[in-house]
Every structure is written in C-alpha cells, then in structure tokens.
Amino acid sequence: MSADTHAKILYIEDDQEMIDLVSLILSRRGYEVKGAQGGRNGLEAIRNESFDLVLLDLMMPDLDGWDLYHILKSDEKTRDVPVIVITAKSQPIDKVLGLYIAKVEDYISKPFHPNELVASVEKVLSITPLT
C-alpha cells in the first residue's frame, strides 16, 4: 500500500512526546495520525471515529494496553481493526505473547528506528483492506 491512500491511524500512548514523534514520522509518509493520550482517551477516540490501524502502547496508568486490546477485539465495531503494539516491554516472552497468543498484527519494541515503524505500518496496511 502506498502512503497516498491516506490511511487513518490512531496511536494510543500515555507519553505525548512519543505521540508527537510517531505522528511526525508517519505524517511525512502521508498517513493521517491521531494521538490519544492514555487508554481511556484511546477507547473514546476509536468508539467515536473509525481508523484503519491502531498503534497501542501496553503500559499506561489509566487503562492497561492489553485490557484495551481485549475490549477492542470483543467489540463488533472495532474487532477487525489491526493493532500494532509499540512498547518498552521488549523481552522475547512479551513479543511471543503479543504475536502468537494475543494475535496482534505486529510488535515493536521501544526504542525503535523510524524505518522499522514505517515498514511495520506499510506491511500491516498492505494486507488489511481500508475501511
């Protein structure tokens, strides 16, 4: 998928600087990125707007990322939205749990290289039809 498709991406993260960084990286590639600071704001955003992809932090103080992921996957409206986890939880077991148990589309450990993020987003969106 080329970036000119204007995919809408929601990044749910408690660190505003990370939201700004990821938004900058992806908007330069033509993606429309909306940030939601914290899990509860992210849940509200995805319930009020449709997105082609969710980027999700796991460790957030107000609503744990895995809890939010399970809420999204149990809701008929959001269950088919692909999710890429972006987290500081970088142990191999964390990645295995995310990719093979929870079945997230990709798992990126912080810190990451911008090209790693772009490649992951492009890969996931290329196999997922836009809404």
Protein backbone atom coordinates (compact mmCIF):
# COMPACT_ATOMS: atom_id res chain seq x y z
CA MET A 1 0.00 0.00 0.00
CA SER A 2 1.33 3.42 -0.80
CA ALA A 3 1.01 6.19 1.74
CA ASP A 4 -1.13 8.25 -0.62
CA THR A 5 -4.13 6.17 0.41
CA HIS A 6 -4.43 8.42 3.48
CA ALA A 7 -4.91 5.61 5.96
CA LYS A 8 -6.19 6.84 9.32
CA ILE A 9 -4.08 5.70 12.24
CA LEU A 10 -4.83 6.07 15.94
CA TYR A 11 -1.84 6.00 18.30
CA ILE A 12 -2.83 5.27 21.90
CA GLU A 13 0.07 6.15 24.21
CA ASP A 14 0.42 7.90 27.57
CA ASP A 15 3.59 9.82 26.57
CA GLN A 16 2.72 12.92 24.48
CA GLU A 17 6.30 13.16 23.17
CA MET A 18 6.03 9.64 21.71
CA ILE A 19 2.70 10.54 20.13
CA ASP A 20 4.30 13.61 18.56
CA LEU A 21 7.30 11.62 17.30
CA VAL A 22 5.27 8.81 15.75
CA SER A 23 2.82 11.33 14.25
CA LEU A 24 5.71 13.21 12.66
CA ILE A 25 7.28 10.05 11.21
CA LEU A 26 4.03 8.71 9.76
CA SER A 27 2.50 12.00 8.61
CA ARG A 28 5.61 12.60 6.50
CA ARG A 29 4.67 9.36 4.70
CA GLY A 30 1.16 10.64 4.02
CA TYR A 31 -0.70 8.93 6.83
CA GLU A 32 -3.31 10.74 8.90
CA VAL A 33 -2.36 10.16 12.53
CA LYS A 34 -4.44 10.98 15.56
CA GLY A 35 -2.97 10.64 19.02
CA ALA A 36 -4.87 9.69 22.14
CA GLN A 37 -3.10 10.20 25.44
CA GLY A 38 -3.92 7.21 27.62
CA GLY A 39 -6.09 4.14 27.26
CA ARG A 40 -9.40 5.74 28.20
CA ASN A 41 -8.94 8.56 25.66
CA GLY A 42 -7.96 5.98 23.07
CA LEU A 43 -11.05 3.92 23.73
CA GLU A 44 -13.23 7.02 23.42
CA ALA A 45 -11.50 8.02 20.15
CA ILE A 46 -11.97 4.63 18.50
CA ARG A 47 -15.60 4.48 19.57
CA ASN A 48 -16.29 7.90 18.01
CA GLU A 49 -14.25 7.61 14.81
CA SER A 50 -13.16 4.81 12.52
CA PHE A 51 -9.49 4.05 11.93
CA ASP A 52 -7.61 1.78 9.56
CA LEU A 53 -4.95 0.91 12.14
CA VAL A 54 -4.33 1.26 15.88
CA LEU A 55 -0.86 1.67 17.35
CA LEU A 56 -1.04 0.69 21.01
CA ASP A 57 1.25 1.17 23.99
CA LEU A 58 0.91 -1.51 26.66
CA MET A 59 1.96 0.24 29.85
CA MET A 60 -0.46 3.07 30.54
CA PRO A 61 -1.58 4.18 34.00
CA ASP A 62 -5.30 4.64 33.35
CA LEU A 63 -6.13 1.57 31.23
CA ASP A 64 -3.64 -1.21 30.52
CA GLY A 65 -2.89 -1.76 26.83
CA TRP A 66 -3.77 -5.45 26.93
CA ASP A 67 -7.09 -4.68 28.62
CA LEU A 68 -7.82 -2.10 25.92
CA TYR A 69 -6.80 -4.58 23.21
CA HIS A 70 -9.28 -7.15 24.54
CA ILE A 71 -12.03 -4.51 24.68
CA LEU A 72 -11.34 -3.61 21.03
CA LYS A 73 -11.32 -7.24 19.89
CA SER A 74 -14.57 -8.05 21.71
CA ASP A 75 -16.45 -5.11 20.15
CA GLU A 76 -18.08 -5.85 16.80
CA LYS A 77 -17.31 -2.32 15.56
CA THR A 78 -13.56 -2.48 16.28
CA ARG A 79 -12.64 -6.18 16.24
CA ASP A 80 -11.32 -6.11 12.66
CA VAL A 81 -9.11 -3.03 13.12
CA PRO A 82 -5.49 -4.22 13.01
CA VAL A 83 -3.29 -3.42 16.02
CA ILE A 84 0.45 -2.89 16.20
CA VAL A 85 1.85 -2.85 19.72
CA ILE A 86 4.59 -0.29 20.40
CA THR A 87 6.02 -0.86 23.86
CA ALA A 88 9.04 -0.78 26.12
CA LYS A 89 8.22 -4.39 27.09
CA SER A 90 10.97 -5.91 24.97
CA GLN A 91 11.60 -9.33 26.48
CA PRO A 92 11.22 -12.20 23.96
CA ILE A 93 8.35 -13.66 26.01
CA ASP A 94 6.43 -10.37 25.72
CA LYS A 95 6.75 -10.46 21.93
CA VAL A 96 5.69 -14.12 21.78
CA LEU A 97 2.64 -13.39 23.95
CA GLY A 98 1.70 -10.44 21.75
CA LEU A 99 2.19 -12.02 18.34
CA TYR A 100 1.18 -15.63 18.96
CA ILE A 101 -1.16 -15.58 21.93
CA ALA A 102 -2.97 -12.23 21.61
CA LYS A 103 -2.52 -12.22 17.80
CA VAL A 104 -1.59 -8.56 17.36
CA GLU A 105 -0.52 -7.78 13.79
CA ASP A 106 2.98 -6.67 14.83
CA TYR A 107 5.01 -5.93 17.95
CA ILE A 108 7.59 -3.12 18.02
CA SER A 109 9.90 -2.60 20.99
CA LYS A 110 10.95 0.87 22.11
CA PRO A 111 13.31 2.36 21.23
CA PHE A 112 12.75 1.69 17.54
CA HIS A 113 14.17 3.03 14.29
CA PRO A 114 11.71 5.15 12.24
CA ASN A 115 12.15 2.78 9.27
CA GLU A 116 11.05 -0.14 11.46
CA LEU A 117 7.84 1.69 12.30
CA VAL A 118 7.13 2.67 8.69
CA ALA A 119 7.84 -0.85 7.42
CA SER A 120 5.51 -2.37 10.01
CA VAL A 121 2.68 0.06 9.24
CA GLU A 122 3.06 -0.46 5.48
CA LYS A 123 3.14 -4.25 5.89
CA VAL A 124 0.04 -4.38 8.08
CA LEU A 125 -1.94 -1.95 5.92
CA SER A 126 -0.97 -3.80 2.73
CA ILE A 127 -2.71 -6.95 3.97
CA THR A 128 -5.69 -5.20 5.54
CA PRO A 129 -8.43 -3.60 3.43
CA LEU A 130 -9.05 0.05 4.29
CA THR A 131 -12.38 0.87 5.88
